[in-house]
Amino acid sequence: MISVVVPVHNEEESLATLHAELAAVFDGGRAGPAEFLFVDDGSRDGSWRVLAELARTDSRVGAIRFRRNFGKAAALVAGFQAAHGDLVFTLDGDLQDDPAEIPRFLAELERGYDVLSGWKKTRHDPWHKVYPSRVFNWMVSHLTGCYLHDHNCGFKLYRRAVLEEIGIYGELHRFIPVLAHARGFHVGEVEVRHRPRRHGRSKYGLARLLKGFLDLLTVRFLTRFSQRPLHVLGGFGLALVVLGGLGMVYLALLWLDPANRPIGNRPLLYYSGVLMSIGIQLLSLGILAELVTSYNIRPEDTYSVVETLPSRQEESGS
């Protein structure tokens, strides 16, 4: 079973065409049995009416309707929870992702990958969206160690084990491959055809880039320091305390020299005091974060199991 999860937000004009293209792929025996799960993320057009009609005419179609727009990550999570397939595809509902690429994903998966991300090598988007996206992808790859050309591509394939282990929220959906890579899953990419937009308009702008950068900082922290927050907070705090302390030591030496004027009106005194104060606060915050982590961490959060071989004693029941 293959599940195809499609987040939908005001995609009334493209849904029937997208369903026909998905059906053509799976009806032709090129991919196997499947279900198509559409998640209506608070659409204000006729998207839900179209989905209801598709579900009535095709038993493979399932649909979930949100009360309001909760965001793409929430739509994907709802789709993942409802999916029954061992393999789960995600693609956008605006027809820019071509379902005919699905067999290529499945063929590439046979090489042992757990996650495959689409790579829109030739993009049909305005330059002011393409070039910032390339910079962002370069930053994500080099800061996380998960090297992909197109982290933002919504056309992806996951094994179920990945989705059961990786939790997403906010706008972290574009970083699922990064989070999976950090857990030891094998991540790859497939070059896909990117089609020009036929209906509607892009839902992303400059605000998305700013949010994406903040999300990148979150992912960096989650993948490197989620189980040892004191290492990052305490590291900065300790550095500031040391700098402030060196400043204080220097001023103390000046104060001991009677030839120097009083140190009370020197800016270095205030700077050193502020640095030490901020450093101590960061150290305290790091210790508190460690306490919170120790109370909430689960054993399974510290590792990722691929396979288990039971001992002979377990097999015999002794």
Protein backbone atom coordinates (compact mmCIF):
# COMPACT_ATOMS: atom_id res chain seq x y z
CA MET A 1 0.00 0.00 0.00
CA ILE A 2 1.19 3.47 -0.95
CA SER A 3 -0.35 6.55 0.63
CA VAL A 4 -0.30 9.88 -1.19
CA VAL A 5 -0.84 12.85 1.13
CA VAL A 6 -1.78 16.16 -0.50
CA PRO A 7 -2.21 19.35 1.59
CA VAL A 8 -4.87 21.55 0.00
CA HIS A 9 -5.50 25.25 0.46
CA ASN A 10 -7.73 26.96 -2.10
CA GLU A 11 -6.87 24.52 -4.89
CA GLU A 12 -10.38 24.06 -6.34
CA GLU A 13 -9.29 24.40 -9.97
CA SER A 14 -6.48 21.86 -9.83
CA LEU A 15 -7.87 19.02 -7.68
CA ALA A 16 -9.75 17.11 -10.39
CA THR A 17 -6.73 17.23 -12.71
CA LEU A 18 -4.38 16.14 -9.91
CA HIS A 19 -6.64 13.21 -9.03
CA ALA A 20 -6.80 12.14 -12.68
CA GLU A 21 -3.01 12.20 -12.93
CA LEU A 22 -2.60 10.19 -9.72
CA ALA A 23 -5.17 7.68 -10.92
CA ALA A 24 -3.37 7.33 -14.25
CA VAL A 25 -0.15 6.40 -12.45
CA PHE A 26 -1.69 3.76 -10.21
CA ASP A 27 -4.35 2.46 -12.60
CA GLY A 28 -1.62 1.72 -15.11
CA GLY A 29 0.05 -0.70 -12.70
CA ARG A 30 3.19 1.43 -12.59
CA ALA A 31 3.19 1.83 -8.81
CA GLY A 32 0.85 -0.62 -7.06
CA PRO A 33 -2.18 -0.24 -4.75
CA ALA A 34 -2.64 3.21 -3.24
CA GLU A 35 -4.82 5.62 -1.33
CA PHE A 36 -5.07 9.35 -1.97
CA LEU A 37 -5.47 11.48 1.16
CA PHE A 38 -6.33 15.14 0.67
CA VAL A 39 -6.19 17.46 3.68
CA ASP A 40 -8.22 20.65 3.22
CA ASP A 41 -6.33 23.20 5.30
CA GLY A 42 -9.17 25.68 5.78
CA SER A 43 -9.84 26.43 2.11
CA ARG A 44 -12.31 29.25 1.42
CA ASP A 45 -13.15 28.23 -2.15
CA GLY A 46 -14.90 25.12 -3.40
CA SER A 47 -12.05 22.72 -2.67
CA TRP A 48 -14.02 20.65 -0.16
CA ARG A 49 -16.93 20.27 -2.57
CA VAL A 50 -14.55 18.90 -5.21
CA LEU A 51 -12.91 16.54 -2.71
CA ALA A 52 -16.31 15.23 -1.58
CA GLU A 53 -17.18 14.43 -5.18
CA LEU A 54 -13.84 12.70 -5.78
CA ALA A 55 -14.31 10.60 -2.65
CA ARG A 56 -17.78 9.59 -3.84
CA THR A 57 -16.52 8.40 -7.23
CA ASP A 58 -13.18 6.85 -6.20
CA SER A 59 -12.90 4.61 -3.14
CA ARG A 60 -9.18 5.33 -2.90
CA VAL A 61 -9.81 8.99 -2.08
CA GLY A 62 -9.99 10.12 1.52
CA ALA A 63 -10.32 13.70 2.71
CA ILE A 64 -9.87 15.60 5.95
CA ARG A 65 -11.22 19.10 6.46
CA PHE A 66 -9.75 21.56 8.96
CA ARG A 67 -11.96 24.10 10.69
CA ARG A 68 -9.52 26.87 9.68
CA ASN A 69 -6.08 27.26 8.14
CA PHE A 70 -3.58 25.63 10.53
CA GLY A 71 -0.60 25.47 8.18
CA LYS A 72 1.06 22.90 5.97
CA ALA A 73 2.82 21.07 8.81
CA ALA A 74 -0.49 20.42 10.57
CA ALA A 75 -2.04 19.22 7.30
CA LEU A 76 0.83 16.81 6.72
CA VAL A 77 0.66 15.46 10.28
CA ALA A 78 -3.08 14.82 9.89
CA GLY A 79 -2.41 13.04 6.60
CA PHE A 80 0.40 10.96 8.09
CA GLN A 81 -1.80 9.87 10.98
CA ALA A 82 -4.59 8.82 8.62
CA ALA A 83 -2.30 7.06 6.12
CA HIS A 84 -2.27 3.26 6.00
CA GLY A 85 0.57 2.76 3.54
CA ASP A 86 4.06 1.45 4.24
CA LEU A 87 5.30 4.17 1.90
CA VAL A 88 3.99 7.73 2.04
CA PHE A 89 4.30 10.32 -0.73
CA THR A 90 3.70 14.02 -0.21
CA LEU A 91 3.13 16.48 -3.03
CA ASP A 92 1.55 19.88 -3.41
CA GLY A 93 -1.92 20.35 -4.83
CA ASP A 94 -1.06 23.13 -7.30
CA LEU A 95 -0.05 20.77 -10.16
CA GLN A 96 3.57 21.95 -10.17
CA ASP A 97 4.58 18.46 -8.94
CA ASP A 98 4.13 15.81 -11.62
CA PRO A 99 2.66 12.50 -10.30
CA ALA A 100 4.21 10.72 -13.28
CA GLU A 101 7.52 10.93 -11.36
CA ILE A 102 6.23 8.54 -8.66
CA PRO A 103 7.61 5.34 -10.31
CA ARG A 104 11.06 6.96 -10.43
CA PHE A 105 10.90 7.56 -6.69
CA LEU A 106 9.94 3.94 -6.10
CA ALA A 107 12.77 2.68 -8.29
CA GLU A 108 15.31 4.85 -6.46
CA LEU A 109 13.97 3.68 -3.09
CA GLU A 110 15.18 0.16 -3.91
CA ARG A 111 18.75 1.40 -3.39
CA GLY A 112 18.11 1.43 0.36
CA TYR A 113 16.86 4.94 1.02
CA ASP A 114 14.42 5.78 3.81
CA VAL A 115 13.62 9.31 2.59
CA LEU A 116 13.70 10.66 -0.96
CA SER A 117 13.29 14.36 -1.65
CA GLY A 118 12.49 15.86 -5.01
CA TRP A 119 14.98 18.19 -6.67
CA LYS A 120 13.45 20.77 -8.99
CA LYS A 121 16.65 21.30 -10.98
CA THR A 122 14.86 23.42 -13.58
CA ARG A 123 12.38 25.68 -11.83
CA HIS A 124 9.54 27.65 -13.39
CA ASP A 125 9.35 30.31 -10.69
CA PRO A 126 10.32 34.02 -10.68
CA TRP A 127 13.99 34.79 -10.07
CA HIS A 128 13.23 36.51 -6.77
CA LYS A 129 11.98 33.16 -5.47
CA VAL A 130 14.61 30.94 -7.09
CA TYR A 131 17.83 32.64 -5.96
CA PRO A 132 16.88 33.19 -2.28
CA SER A 133 15.76 29.55 -2.25
CA ARG A 134 19.19 28.43 -3.50
CA VAL A 135 20.92 30.42 -0.77
CA PHE A 136 18.58 28.94 1.82
CA ASN A 137 19.19 25.38 0.56
CA TRP A 138 22.95 25.95 0.72
CA MET A 139 22.67 27.18 4.31
CA VAL A 140 20.52 24.24 5.40
CA SER A 141 22.85 21.69 3.82
CA HIS A 142 26.03 23.10 5.34
CA LEU A 143 24.57 23.79 8.79
CA THR A 144 22.89 20.41 9.18
CA GLY A 145 25.11 18.04 7.17
CA CYS A 146 22.10 16.82 5.16
CA TYR A 147 23.15 17.79 1.64
CA LEU A 148 20.16 18.25 -0.67
CA HIS A 149 19.74 20.63 -3.57
CA ASP A 150 16.11 21.45 -2.77
CA HIS A 151 14.99 21.15 0.85
CA ASN A 152 11.84 23.14 0.07
CA CYS A 153 10.44 20.72 -2.49
CA GLY A 154 7.11 19.31 -1.29
CA PHE A 155 7.44 16.19 -3.47
CA LYS A 156 8.88 13.56 -1.10
CA LEU A 157 8.70 9.87 -0.30
CA TYR A 158 9.01 8.41 3.21
CA ARG A 159 9.08 4.97 4.69
CA ARG A 160 6.54 4.69 7.50
CA ALA A 161 9.25 4.11 10.10
CA VAL A 162 10.54 7.63 9.46
CA LEU A 163 7.17 9.28 10.07
CA GLU A 164 6.56 7.21 13.20
CA GLU A 165 9.83 8.44 14.68
CA ILE A 166 10.03 12.05 13.49
CA GLY A 167 7.64 14.59 15.01
CA ILE A 168 6.98 17.91 13.29
CA TYR A 169 5.17 21.07 14.30
CA GLY A 170 5.09 24.74 13.35
CA GLU A 171 6.72 24.96 9.92
CA LEU A 172 9.28 22.18 10.30
CA HIS A 173 7.72 20.08 7.53
CA ARG A 174 10.41 21.14 5.03
CA PHE A 175 13.07 19.85 7.43
CA ILE A 176 11.80 16.27 7.82
CA PRO A 177 14.74 14.93 5.75
CA VAL A 178 17.14 16.86 8.00
CA LEU A 179 15.53 15.50 11.16
CA ALA A 180 15.52 11.99 9.67
CA HIS A 181 19.19 12.31 8.70
CA ALA A 182 20.02 13.30 12.28
CA ARG A 183 18.34 10.09 13.48
CA GLY A 184 20.44 7.97 11.14
CA PHE A 185 17.98 7.37 8.30
CA HIS A 186 19.33 7.19 4.74
CA VAL A 187 18.27 10.32 2.85
CA GLY A 188 18.55 10.89 -0.91
CA GLU A 189 17.02 12.95 -3.67
CA VAL A 190 15.47 12.47 -7.10
CA GLU A 191 15.55 15.03 -9.88
CA VAL A 192 11.93 15.82 -10.77
CA ARG A 193 10.12 17.80 -13.41
CA HIS A 194 8.79 21.12 -12.15
CA ARG A 195 5.80 22.41 -14.06
CA PRO A 196 4.74 26.04 -14.45
CA ARG A 197 1.91 27.20 -12.21
CA ARG A 198 -1.45 26.84 -13.98
CA HIS A 199 -3.88 27.98 -11.31
CA GLY A 200 -3.86 30.26 -8.29
CA ARG A 201 -0.83 32.04 -6.92
CA SER A 202 2.16 31.22 -4.79
CA LYS A 203 1.51 31.26 -1.04
CA TYR A 204 5.10 32.07 -0.19
CA GLY A 205 6.86 35.41 0.00
CA LEU A 206 9.61 37.24 1.83
CA ALA A 207 8.07 36.40 5.21
CA ARG A 208 8.59 32.72 4.44
CA LEU A 209 12.35 33.24 4.05
CA LEU A 210 12.56 34.96 7.41
CA LYS A 211 10.51 32.23 9.08
CA GLY A 212 12.59 29.61 7.31
CA PHE A 213 15.80 31.04 8.76
CA LEU A 214 14.34 30.97 12.27
CA ASP A 215 13.13 27.40 11.70
CA LEU A 216 16.64 26.51 10.56
CA LEU A 217 18.01 27.71 13.90
CA THR A 218 15.40 25.57 15.62
CA VAL A 219 16.37 22.50 13.59
CA ARG A 220 20.06 23.15 14.23
CA PHE A 221 19.36 23.19 17.96
CA LEU A 222 17.07 20.12 17.84
CA THR A 223 19.53 18.01 15.86
CA ARG A 224 22.64 18.96 17.84
CA PHE A 225 21.62 20.03 21.34
CA SER A 226 18.09 18.81 22.10
CA GLN A 227 19.46 16.35 24.68
CA ARG A 228 22.29 18.57 25.97
CA PRO A 229 21.07 22.19 25.96
CA LEU A 230 23.69 23.22 28.52
CA HIS A 231 26.39 22.62 25.90
CA VAL A 232 25.17 25.51 23.75
CA LEU A 233 23.69 27.85 26.37
CA GLY A 234 26.42 27.11 28.88
CA GLY A 235 29.10 27.47 26.21
CA PHE A 236 28.02 30.99 25.33
CA GLY A 237 27.48 31.84 28.98
CA LEU A 238 30.88 30.58 30.03
CA ALA A 239 32.57 32.52 27.23
CA LEU A 240 30.88 35.74 28.34
CA VAL A 241 31.78 35.14 32.00
CA VAL A 242 35.41 34.58 31.05
CA LEU A 243 35.52 37.76 28.92
CA GLY A 244 33.89 39.79 31.67
CA GLY A 245 36.20 38.27 34.27
CA LEU A 246 39.31 39.13 32.25
CA GLY A 247 38.07 42.71 32.02
CA MET A 248 37.57 42.82 35.78
CA VAL A 249 41.03 41.38 36.43
CA TYR A 250 42.58 44.01 34.18
CA LEU A 251 40.74 46.78 36.01
CA ALA A 252 41.75 45.33 39.36
CA LEU A 253 45.42 45.47 38.34
CA LEU A 254 44.98 49.09 37.30
CA TRP A 255 43.31 49.88 40.61
CA LEU A 256 46.25 48.42 42.53
CA ASP A 257 48.64 50.74 40.67
CA PRO A 258 48.54 54.13 42.48
CA ALA A 259 49.75 55.88 39.34
CA ASN A 260 46.43 55.19 37.56
CA ARG A 261 43.31 57.23 37.97
CA PRO A 262 40.18 55.64 39.56
CA ILE A 263 38.48 52.93 37.51
CA GLY A 264 34.90 53.76 38.47
CA ASN A 265 34.32 55.91 35.39
CA ARG A 266 35.89 53.53 32.88
CA PRO A 267 33.47 52.04 30.27
CA LEU A 268 35.29 48.70 30.55
CA LEU A 269 33.92 48.31 34.07
CA TYR A 270 30.33 48.47 32.85
CA TYR A 271 30.98 46.25 29.83
CA SER A 272 32.68 43.60 31.95
CA GLY A 273 29.86 43.66 34.49
CA VAL A 274 27.21 43.26 31.80
CA LEU A 275 29.09 40.39 30.14
CA MET A 276 29.42 38.52 33.43
CA SER A 277 25.76 39.11 34.27
CA ILE A 278 24.51 37.83 30.90
CA GLY A 279 26.92 34.89 31.06
CA ILE A 280 25.67 33.82 34.48
CA GLN A 281 22.07 34.06 33.27
CA LEU A 282 22.84 31.86 30.25
CA LEU A 283 24.54 29.29 32.47
CA SER A 284 21.54 29.27 34.79
CA LEU A 285 19.15 28.95 31.83
CA GLY A 286 21.19 26.04 30.47
CA ILE A 287 21.04 24.22 33.81
CA LEU A 288 17.27 24.72 33.97
CA ALA A 289 16.96 23.41 30.39
CA GLU A 290 18.95 20.32 31.38
CA LEU A 291 16.55 19.71 34.29
CA VAL A 292 13.53 20.02 31.99
CA THR A 293 15.14 17.68 29.46
CA SER A 294 15.99 15.07 32.10
CA TYR A 295 12.38 14.94 33.26
CA ASN A 296 10.85 14.73 29.76
CA ILE A 297 13.35 12.71 27.73
CA ARG A 298 12.27 9.19 26.78
CA PRO A 299 14.81 6.39 26.31
CA GLU A 300 13.72 5.88 22.69
CA ASP A 301 14.53 9.55 21.97
CA THR A 302 18.23 8.84 22.46
CA TYR A 303 18.61 6.22 19.73
CA SER A 304 17.06 4.83 16.57
CA VAL A 305 16.72 1.04 16.16
CA VAL A 306 16.93 -0.51 12.70
CA GLU A 307 16.39 -4.16 13.60
CA THR A 308 16.41 -6.43 16.65
CA LEU A 309 17.42 -10.09 16.82
CA PRO A 310 15.89 -11.84 19.85
CA SER A 311 18.10 -14.06 21.98
CA ARG A 312 17.54 -17.81 21.95
CA GLN A 313 16.25 -17.61 25.50
CA GLU A 314 13.55 -15.14 24.39
CA GLU A 315 12.56 -17.40 21.49
CA SER A 316 12.20 -20.42 23.80
CA GLY A 317 10.23 -18.40 26.33
CA SER A 318 12.67 -19.07 29.17
